[in-house]
Amino acid sequence: MLNISFRFEEEPVTSPSEYTMGYMRIEFGSDNIDSEELQGRGLMMVFFSVSSLLEMIYKLTTEDLDEYRFVGEDSSFILFFNKNRRGEIDIVKDKKTIFTVGFDDLAKSVWSLSKALYREYGDQMLSSSSAKKDWVSAIEKISPVIKRMSV
């Protein structure tokens, strides 16, 4: 099972904002990718990065894209999510496929991550914050796609 998570730079998060920073970790079986391995350059703006992941699912579903380049907001952490011939997603770091997952598994993991973080921090964020606006917009855009997928 694919699991995507964030570890916040400072815990507990008492005032979440667009500047709330953290490290992203993706686990699949015994393999993992962790932005913390970049020794400070993998630290990213969590809520903007979650919006980017939602946007990725939307674009890979609704547009004729075979590749999505994810860059953790305000970091040097870059991953490529490439559709392969079988319709699965190769997650690529430094030109090396780290693991291959089903598209539905990727969508479920991103959606679950977003829902959990929104439940925890969404109400605490100022509605005027650009991170919350982007996040809400991404959720609204992706919701119909997720419902069709029965994720």
N, C-alpha and C. Protein backbone atom coordinates (compact mmCIF):
# COMPACT_ATOMS: atom_id res chain seq x y z
N MET A 1 0.84 -1.18 0.00
CA MET A 1 0.00 0.00 0.00
C MET A 1 0.88 1.24 0.00
N LEU A 2 0.52 2.19 -0.82
CA LEU A 2 1.25 3.45 -0.92
C LEU A 2 0.82 4.38 0.20
N ASN A 3 1.78 5.03 0.84
CA ASN A 3 1.48 5.99 1.89
C ASN A 3 2.32 7.24 1.68
N ILE A 4 1.64 8.39 1.64
CA ILE A 4 2.31 9.68 1.52
C ILE A 4 2.04 10.44 2.80
N SER A 5 3.08 10.98 3.40
CA SER A 5 2.90 11.71 4.65
C SER A 5 3.86 12.90 4.72
N PHE A 6 3.59 13.77 5.67
CA PHE A 6 4.47 14.90 5.96
C PHE A 6 4.85 14.87 7.42
N ARG A 7 6.09 15.22 7.70
CA ARG A 7 6.55 15.45 9.07
C ARG A 7 6.87 16.93 9.16
N PHE A 8 6.20 17.60 10.06
CA PHE A 8 6.38 19.05 10.17
C PHE A 8 7.72 19.37 10.81
N GLU A 9 8.29 20.49 10.38
CA GLU A 9 9.58 20.94 10.92
C GLU A 9 9.44 21.24 12.40
N GLU A 10 8.36 21.88 12.77
CA GLU A 10 8.12 22.20 14.18
C GLU A 10 6.80 21.59 14.59
N GLU A 11 6.83 20.80 15.63
CA GLU A 11 5.60 20.19 16.13
C GLU A 11 5.45 20.55 17.59
N PRO A 12 4.27 20.77 18.10
CA PRO A 12 3.02 20.71 17.35
C PRO A 12 2.83 21.96 16.50
N VAL A 13 2.02 21.83 15.44
CA VAL A 13 1.70 22.96 14.58
C VAL A 13 0.56 23.72 15.25
N THR A 14 0.87 24.89 15.78
CA THR A 14 -0.15 25.64 16.52
C THR A 14 -0.83 26.71 15.67
N SER A 15 -0.14 27.22 14.67
CA SER A 15 -0.70 28.25 13.79
C SER A 15 -0.37 27.91 12.34
N PRO A 16 -1.10 26.96 11.75
CA PRO A 16 -0.77 26.57 10.37
C PRO A 16 -0.97 27.72 9.40
N SER A 17 -0.04 27.86 8.47
CA SER A 17 -0.11 28.92 7.46
C SER A 17 0.57 28.43 6.20
N GLU A 18 0.60 29.31 5.20
CA GLU A 18 1.28 28.92 3.97
C GLU A 18 2.77 28.67 4.19
N TYR A 19 3.30 29.17 5.29
CA TYR A 19 4.73 29.02 5.57
C TYR A 19 5.04 27.83 6.48
N THR A 20 4.04 27.02 6.79
CA THR A 20 4.28 25.83 7.61
C THR A 20 5.13 24.86 6.79
N MET A 21 6.28 24.52 7.33
CA MET A 21 7.26 23.72 6.59
C MET A 21 7.31 22.29 7.11
N GLY A 22 7.69 21.38 6.21
CA GLY A 22 7.83 19.99 6.61
C GLY A 22 8.52 19.17 5.53
N TYR A 23 8.70 17.90 5.83
CA TYR A 23 9.34 16.96 4.92
C TYR A 23 8.30 15.96 4.43
N MET A 24 8.38 15.61 3.16
CA MET A 24 7.47 14.63 2.59
C MET A 24 8.13 13.26 2.54
N ARG A 25 7.32 12.25 2.83
CA ARG A 25 7.80 10.87 2.78
C ARG A 25 6.78 10.04 2.01
N ILE A 26 7.27 9.23 1.09
CA ILE A 26 6.42 8.31 0.34
C ILE A 26 6.94 6.90 0.62
N GLU A 27 6.05 6.03 1.06
CA GLU A 27 6.42 4.65 1.36
C GLU A 27 5.60 3.69 0.51
N PHE A 28 6.25 2.67 0.01
CA PHE A 28 5.59 1.63 -0.76
C PHE A 28 6.34 0.33 -0.49
N GLY A 29 5.69 -0.55 0.24
CA GLY A 29 6.38 -1.78 0.65
C GLY A 29 7.56 -1.42 1.52
N SER A 30 8.71 -1.97 1.20
CA SER A 30 9.91 -1.68 1.99
C SER A 30 10.71 -0.50 1.45
N ASP A 31 10.25 0.08 0.35
CA ASP A 31 10.95 1.21 -0.26
C ASP A 31 10.34 2.53 0.21
N ASN A 32 11.16 3.57 0.21
CA ASN A 32 10.64 4.88 0.56
C ASN A 32 11.46 5.98 -0.10
N ILE A 33 10.83 7.13 -0.19
CA ILE A 33 11.48 8.36 -0.64
C ILE A 33 11.21 9.37 0.46
N ASP A 34 12.25 10.05 0.91
CA ASP A 34 12.08 11.01 2.00
C ASP A 34 12.81 12.30 1.64
N SER A 35 12.08 13.40 1.60
CA SER A 35 12.70 14.67 1.22
C SER A 35 13.73 15.12 2.24
N GLU A 36 13.67 14.59 3.46
CA GLU A 36 14.63 14.97 4.49
C GLU A 36 16.05 14.55 4.11
N GLU A 37 16.18 13.59 3.21
CA GLU A 37 17.51 13.14 2.77
C GLU A 37 18.29 14.25 2.08
N LEU A 38 17.61 15.31 1.64
CA LEU A 38 18.29 16.42 0.98
C LEU A 38 18.93 17.39 1.96
N GLN A 39 18.93 17.07 3.23
CA GLN A 39 19.61 17.83 4.28
C GLN A 39 19.28 19.32 4.23
N GLY A 40 18.00 19.63 4.48
CA GLY A 40 17.56 21.01 4.54
C GLY A 40 16.95 21.52 3.25
N ARG A 41 17.42 21.05 2.12
CA ARG A 41 16.87 21.50 0.84
C ARG A 41 15.57 20.77 0.51
N GLY A 42 15.21 19.74 1.28
CA GLY A 42 13.98 19.00 1.07
C GLY A 42 12.82 19.53 1.88
N LEU A 43 13.08 20.52 2.69
CA LEU A 43 12.04 21.14 3.50
C LEU A 43 11.13 21.93 2.57
N MET A 44 9.81 21.73 2.69
CA MET A 44 8.88 22.37 1.76
C MET A 44 7.67 22.94 2.49
N MET A 45 6.99 23.86 1.82
CA MET A 45 5.73 24.41 2.33
C MET A 45 4.67 23.31 2.18
N VAL A 46 4.23 22.77 3.29
CA VAL A 46 3.38 21.59 3.29
C VAL A 46 2.08 21.80 2.55
N PHE A 47 1.34 22.84 2.87
CA PHE A 47 -0.01 22.98 2.34
C PHE A 47 -0.03 23.33 0.85
N PHE A 48 0.94 24.10 0.38
CA PHE A 48 1.06 24.33 -1.06
C PHE A 48 1.45 23.03 -1.77
N SER A 49 2.31 22.23 -1.13
CA SER A 49 2.75 20.98 -1.74
C SER A 49 1.60 19.99 -1.84
N VAL A 50 0.72 19.95 -0.84
CA VAL A 50 -0.46 19.08 -0.90
C VAL A 50 -1.36 19.52 -2.06
N SER A 51 -1.51 20.83 -2.24
CA SER A 51 -2.30 21.33 -3.37
C SER A 51 -1.68 20.89 -4.69
N SER A 52 -0.36 20.89 -4.78
CA SER A 52 0.33 20.44 -5.99
C SER A 52 0.08 18.96 -6.26
N LEU A 53 0.07 18.16 -5.19
CA LEU A 53 -0.22 16.73 -5.36
C LEU A 53 -1.65 16.51 -5.85
N LEU A 54 -2.59 17.27 -5.31
CA LEU A 54 -3.98 17.16 -5.79
C LEU A 54 -4.07 17.58 -7.26
N GLU A 55 -3.37 18.64 -7.60
CA GLU A 55 -3.35 19.11 -8.99
C GLU A 55 -2.76 18.05 -9.91
N MET A 56 -1.76 17.34 -9.42
CA MET A 56 -1.16 16.26 -10.20
C MET A 56 -2.19 15.20 -10.54
N ILE A 57 -2.96 14.75 -9.54
CA ILE A 57 -3.98 13.73 -9.77
C ILE A 57 -4.99 14.24 -10.79
N TYR A 58 -5.41 15.49 -10.62
CA TYR A 58 -6.37 16.07 -11.54
C TYR A 58 -5.83 16.09 -12.97
N LYS A 59 -4.63 16.57 -13.14
CA LYS A 59 -4.06 16.69 -14.49
C LYS A 59 -3.78 15.33 -15.12
N LEU A 60 -3.30 14.38 -14.35
CA LEU A 60 -3.04 13.06 -14.92
C LEU A 60 -4.34 12.35 -15.30
N THR A 61 -5.44 12.76 -14.68
CA THR A 61 -6.74 12.15 -14.96
C THR A 61 -7.46 12.84 -16.11
N THR A 62 -7.39 14.15 -16.16
CA THR A 62 -8.24 14.91 -17.10
C THR A 62 -7.50 15.44 -18.32
N GLU A 63 -6.19 15.45 -18.29
CA GLU A 63 -5.42 15.97 -19.42
C GLU A 63 -4.61 14.85 -20.04
N ASP A 64 -4.17 15.10 -21.23
CA ASP A 64 -3.38 14.10 -21.95
C ASP A 64 -1.91 14.21 -21.55
N LEU A 65 -1.66 13.94 -20.27
CA LEU A 65 -0.30 14.03 -19.73
C LEU A 65 0.24 12.64 -19.46
N ASP A 66 1.50 12.43 -19.77
CA ASP A 66 2.16 11.18 -19.42
C ASP A 66 3.15 11.38 -18.28
N GLU A 67 3.39 12.65 -17.92
CA GLU A 67 4.38 12.94 -16.89
C GLU A 67 3.95 14.19 -16.12
N TYR A 68 4.17 14.14 -14.81
CA TYR A 68 3.93 15.32 -13.97
C TYR A 68 5.18 15.53 -13.14
N ARG A 69 5.71 16.73 -13.20
CA ARG A 69 6.90 17.08 -12.41
C ARG A 69 6.44 17.75 -11.13
N PHE A 70 6.70 17.09 -10.01
CA PHE A 70 6.36 17.63 -8.70
C PHE A 70 7.60 18.23 -8.08
N VAL A 71 7.49 19.49 -7.67
CA VAL A 71 8.56 20.16 -6.93
C VAL A 71 7.95 20.60 -5.61
N GLY A 72 8.48 20.11 -4.51
CA GLY A 72 8.00 20.55 -3.21
C GLY A 72 8.14 22.05 -3.10
N GLU A 73 7.05 22.73 -2.77
CA GLU A 73 7.06 24.20 -2.74
C GLU A 73 8.18 24.73 -1.84
N ASP A 74 9.03 25.58 -2.41
CA ASP A 74 10.14 26.23 -1.72
C ASP A 74 11.23 25.23 -1.32
N SER A 75 11.39 24.19 -2.13
CA SER A 75 12.42 23.19 -1.82
C SER A 75 13.14 22.77 -3.10
N SER A 76 14.11 21.90 -2.94
CA SER A 76 14.83 21.32 -4.08
C SER A 76 14.40 19.87 -4.31
N PHE A 77 13.30 19.48 -3.70
CA PHE A 77 12.82 18.10 -3.79
C PHE A 77 11.96 17.95 -5.06
N ILE A 78 12.44 17.14 -5.98
CA ILE A 78 11.76 16.96 -7.27
C ILE A 78 11.50 15.48 -7.51
N LEU A 79 10.27 15.18 -7.88
CA LEU A 79 9.89 13.83 -8.29
C LEU A 79 9.14 13.93 -9.62
N PHE A 80 9.24 12.88 -10.41
CA PHE A 80 8.44 12.77 -11.62
C PHE A 80 7.46 11.62 -11.42
N PHE A 81 6.23 11.86 -11.80
CA PHE A 81 5.20 10.83 -11.78
C PHE A 81 4.88 10.55 -13.24
N ASN A 82 5.33 9.40 -13.75
CA ASN A 82 5.22 9.07 -15.16
C ASN A 82 4.24 7.93 -15.38
N LYS A 83 3.30 8.11 -16.31
CA LYS A 83 2.41 7.02 -16.69
C LYS A 83 3.21 6.06 -17.56
N ASN A 84 3.10 4.76 -17.26
CA ASN A 84 3.77 3.79 -18.11
C ASN A 84 2.74 3.13 -19.05
N ARG A 85 3.19 2.20 -19.86
CA ARG A 85 2.31 1.57 -20.86
C ARG A 85 1.16 0.79 -20.24
N ARG A 86 1.32 0.33 -19.04
CA ARG A 86 0.28 -0.45 -18.36
C ARG A 86 -0.72 0.46 -17.63
N GLY A 87 -0.51 1.78 -17.71
CA GLY A 87 -1.41 2.71 -17.04
C GLY A 87 -1.06 2.92 -15.58
N GLU A 88 0.06 2.37 -15.16
CA GLU A 88 0.53 2.57 -13.79
C GLU A 88 1.40 3.81 -13.75
N ILE A 89 1.78 4.20 -12.54
CA ILE A 89 2.60 5.39 -12.35
C ILE A 89 3.98 4.99 -11.83
N ASP A 90 5.00 5.37 -12.57
CA ASP A 90 6.38 5.21 -12.11
C ASP A 90 6.74 6.48 -11.34
N ILE A 91 7.18 6.32 -10.11
CA ILE A 91 7.63 7.47 -9.32
C ILE A 91 9.15 7.51 -9.44
N VAL A 92 9.63 8.60 -10.02
CA VAL A 92 11.02 8.70 -10.44
C VAL A 92 11.72 9.82 -9.68
N LYS A 93 12.89 9.50 -9.16
CA LYS A 93 13.73 10.48 -8.47
C LYS A 93 15.14 10.36 -9.03
N ASP A 94 15.73 11.46 -9.39
CA ASP A 94 17.08 11.47 -9.95
C ASP A 94 17.22 10.50 -11.12
N LYS A 95 16.22 10.50 -12.01
CA LYS A 95 16.19 9.69 -13.23
C LYS A 95 16.13 8.19 -12.97
N LYS A 96 15.77 7.80 -11.75
CA LYS A 96 15.67 6.39 -11.40
C LYS A 96 14.26 6.10 -10.88
N THR A 97 13.62 5.07 -11.46
CA THR A 97 12.31 4.68 -10.96
C THR A 97 12.48 4.05 -9.59
N ILE A 98 11.86 4.66 -8.59
CA ILE A 98 11.97 4.16 -7.22
C ILE A 98 10.93 3.07 -6.99
N PHE A 99 9.70 3.31 -7.45
CA PHE A 99 8.69 2.27 -7.43
C PHE A 99 7.58 2.62 -8.41
N THR A 100 6.78 1.59 -8.71
CA THR A 100 5.65 1.70 -9.63
C THR A 100 4.39 1.37 -8.85
N VAL A 101 3.38 2.24 -8.99
CA VAL A 101 2.13 2.05 -8.25
C VAL A 101 0.95 2.17 -9.22
N GLY A 102 -0.16 1.61 -8.82
CA GLY A 102 -1.38 1.80 -9.58
C GLY A 102 -1.86 3.23 -9.43
N PHE A 103 -2.47 3.76 -10.49
CA PHE A 103 -2.94 5.14 -10.44
C PHE A 103 -3.97 5.32 -9.33
N ASP A 104 -4.88 4.36 -9.17
CA ASP A 104 -5.90 4.47 -8.12
C ASP A 104 -5.26 4.52 -6.73
N ASP A 105 -4.19 3.73 -6.53
CA ASP A 105 -3.49 3.76 -5.24
C ASP A 105 -2.87 5.13 -4.98
N LEU A 106 -2.30 5.71 -6.03
CA LEU A 106 -1.72 7.05 -5.89
C LEU A 106 -2.82 8.06 -5.56
N ALA A 107 -3.92 8.01 -6.29
CA ALA A 107 -5.02 8.95 -6.05
C ALA A 107 -5.58 8.79 -4.64
N LYS A 108 -5.76 7.56 -4.20
CA LYS A 108 -6.27 7.30 -2.84
C LYS A 108 -5.33 7.86 -1.79
N SER A 109 -4.05 7.66 -1.99
CA SER A 109 -3.07 8.13 -1.01
C SER A 109 -3.04 9.65 -0.93
N VAL A 110 -3.04 10.32 -2.07
CA VAL A 110 -3.04 11.78 -2.09
C VAL A 110 -4.33 12.31 -1.48
N TRP A 111 -5.46 11.72 -1.84
CA TRP A 111 -6.76 12.17 -1.32
C TRP A 111 -6.82 11.96 0.20
N SER A 112 -6.36 10.81 0.67
CA SER A 112 -6.37 10.53 2.12
C SER A 112 -5.48 11.51 2.87
N LEU A 113 -4.31 11.79 2.33
CA LEU A 113 -3.39 12.76 2.94
C LEU A 113 -4.07 14.12 3.04
N SER A 114 -4.66 14.57 1.95
CA SER A 114 -5.29 15.88 1.93
C SER A 114 -6.45 15.95 2.92
N LYS A 115 -7.29 14.92 2.94
CA LYS A 115 -8.43 14.92 3.88
C LYS A 115 -7.95 14.96 5.33
N ALA A 116 -6.94 14.15 5.65
CA ALA A 116 -6.44 14.09 7.03
C ALA A 116 -5.85 15.43 7.46
N LEU A 117 -5.04 16.03 6.60
CA LEU A 117 -4.45 17.33 6.94
C LEU A 117 -5.51 18.42 7.02
N TYR A 118 -6.50 18.36 6.14
CA TYR A 118 -7.55 19.39 6.18
C TYR A 118 -8.38 19.26 7.45
N ARG A 119 -8.70 18.03 7.84
CA ARG A 119 -9.44 17.83 9.10
C ARG A 119 -8.66 18.40 10.28
N GLU A 120 -7.36 18.18 10.26
CA GLU A 120 -6.51 18.60 11.37
C GLU A 120 -6.23 20.11 11.39
N TYR A 121 -6.00 20.69 10.20
CA TYR A 121 -5.50 22.07 10.17
C TYR A 121 -6.35 23.05 9.36
N GLY A 122 -7.25 22.55 8.53
CA GLY A 122 -8.00 23.42 7.64
C GLY A 122 -8.76 24.52 8.33
N ASP A 123 -9.46 24.19 9.41
CA ASP A 123 -10.24 25.20 10.12
C ASP A 123 -9.36 26.22 10.85
N GLN A 124 -8.13 25.84 11.15
CA GLN A 124 -7.23 26.74 11.88
C GLN A 124 -6.57 27.77 10.96
N MET A 125 -6.53 27.48 9.67
CA MET A 125 -5.87 28.39 8.74
C MET A 125 -6.79 29.56 8.41
N LEU A 126 -6.22 30.72 8.27
CA LEU A 126 -6.99 31.89 7.89
C LEU A 126 -7.56 31.68 6.49
N SER A 127 -8.83 31.98 6.32
CA SER A 127 -9.46 31.77 5.01
C SER A 127 -8.85 32.68 3.95
N SER A 128 -8.19 33.75 4.37
CA SER A 128 -7.55 34.67 3.43
C SER A 128 -6.16 34.19 3.01
N SER A 129 -5.63 33.14 3.65
CA SER A 129 -4.28 32.70 3.30
C SER A 129 -4.27 32.08 1.91
N SER A 130 -3.24 32.40 1.14
CA SER A 130 -3.17 31.88 -0.22
C SER A 130 -3.03 30.36 -0.23
N ALA A 131 -2.40 29.79 0.78
CA ALA A 131 -2.27 28.33 0.84
C ALA A 131 -3.65 27.69 1.00
N LYS A 132 -4.47 28.25 1.87
CA LYS A 132 -5.81 27.68 2.06
C LYS A 132 -6.65 27.85 0.81
N LYS A 133 -6.56 29.02 0.16
CA LYS A 133 -7.32 29.24 -1.08
C LYS A 133 -6.92 28.22 -2.14
N ASP A 134 -5.62 28.01 -2.32
CA ASP A 134 -5.14 27.03 -3.31
C ASP A 134 -5.62 25.62 -2.96
N TRP A 135 -5.53 25.30 -1.69
CA TRP A 135 -5.90 23.97 -1.21
C TRP A 135 -7.39 23.71 -1.42
N VAL A 136 -8.24 24.66 -1.02
CA VAL A 136 -9.69 24.52 -1.20
C VAL A 136 -10.02 24.42 -2.69
N SER A 137 -9.38 25.23 -3.51
CA SER A 137 -9.61 25.19 -4.95
C SER A 137 -9.23 23.82 -5.51
N ALA A 138 -8.09 23.29 -5.09
CA ALA A 138 -7.66 21.97 -5.57
C ALA A 138 -8.62 20.88 -5.13
N ILE A 139 -9.09 20.95 -3.90
CA ILE A 139 -10.05 19.96 -3.38
C ILE A 139 -11.35 20.02 -4.20
N GLU A 140 -11.83 21.23 -4.45
CA GLU A 140 -13.08 21.38 -5.22
C GLU A 140 -12.91 20.87 -6.64
N LYS A 141 -11.76 21.10 -7.22
CA LYS A 141 -11.51 20.67 -8.59
C LYS A 141 -11.41 19.15 -8.68
N ILE A 142 -10.75 18.53 -7.72
CA ILE A 142 -10.49 17.09 -7.79
C ILE A 142 -11.65 16.25 -7.27
N SER A 143 -12.51 16.81 -6.43
CA SER A 143 -13.60 16.02 -5.82
C SER A 143 -14.44 15.25 -6.82
N PRO A 144 -14.92 15.85 -7.92
CA PRO A 144 -15.72 15.07 -8.88
C PRO A 144 -14.93 13.93 -9.52
N VAL A 145 -13.65 14.17 -9.75
CA VAL A 145 -12.80 13.13 -10.34
C VAL A 145 -12.65 11.96 -9.37
N ILE A 146 -12.43 12.28 -8.11
CA ILE A 146 -12.28 11.25 -7.07
C ILE A 146 -13.58 10.45 -6.93
N LYS A 147 -14.71 11.13 -6.94
CA LYS A 147 -16.00 10.44 -6.82
C LYS A 147 -16.23 9.47 -7.97
N ARG A 148 -15.86 9.87 -9.19
CA ARG A 148 -15.99 8.99 -10.35
C ARG A 148 -15.10 7.76 -10.23
N MET A 149 -13.96 7.93 -9.57
CA MET A 149 -13.02 6.83 -9.41
C MET A 149 -13.45 5.91 -8.26
N SER A 150 -14.41 6.34 -7.48
CA SER A 150 -14.86 5.65 -6.27
C SER A 150 -13.70 5.38 -5.32
N VAL A 151 -12.89 6.41 -5.15
CA VAL A 151 -11.74 6.35 -4.24
C VAL A 151 -12.20 6.71 -2.85
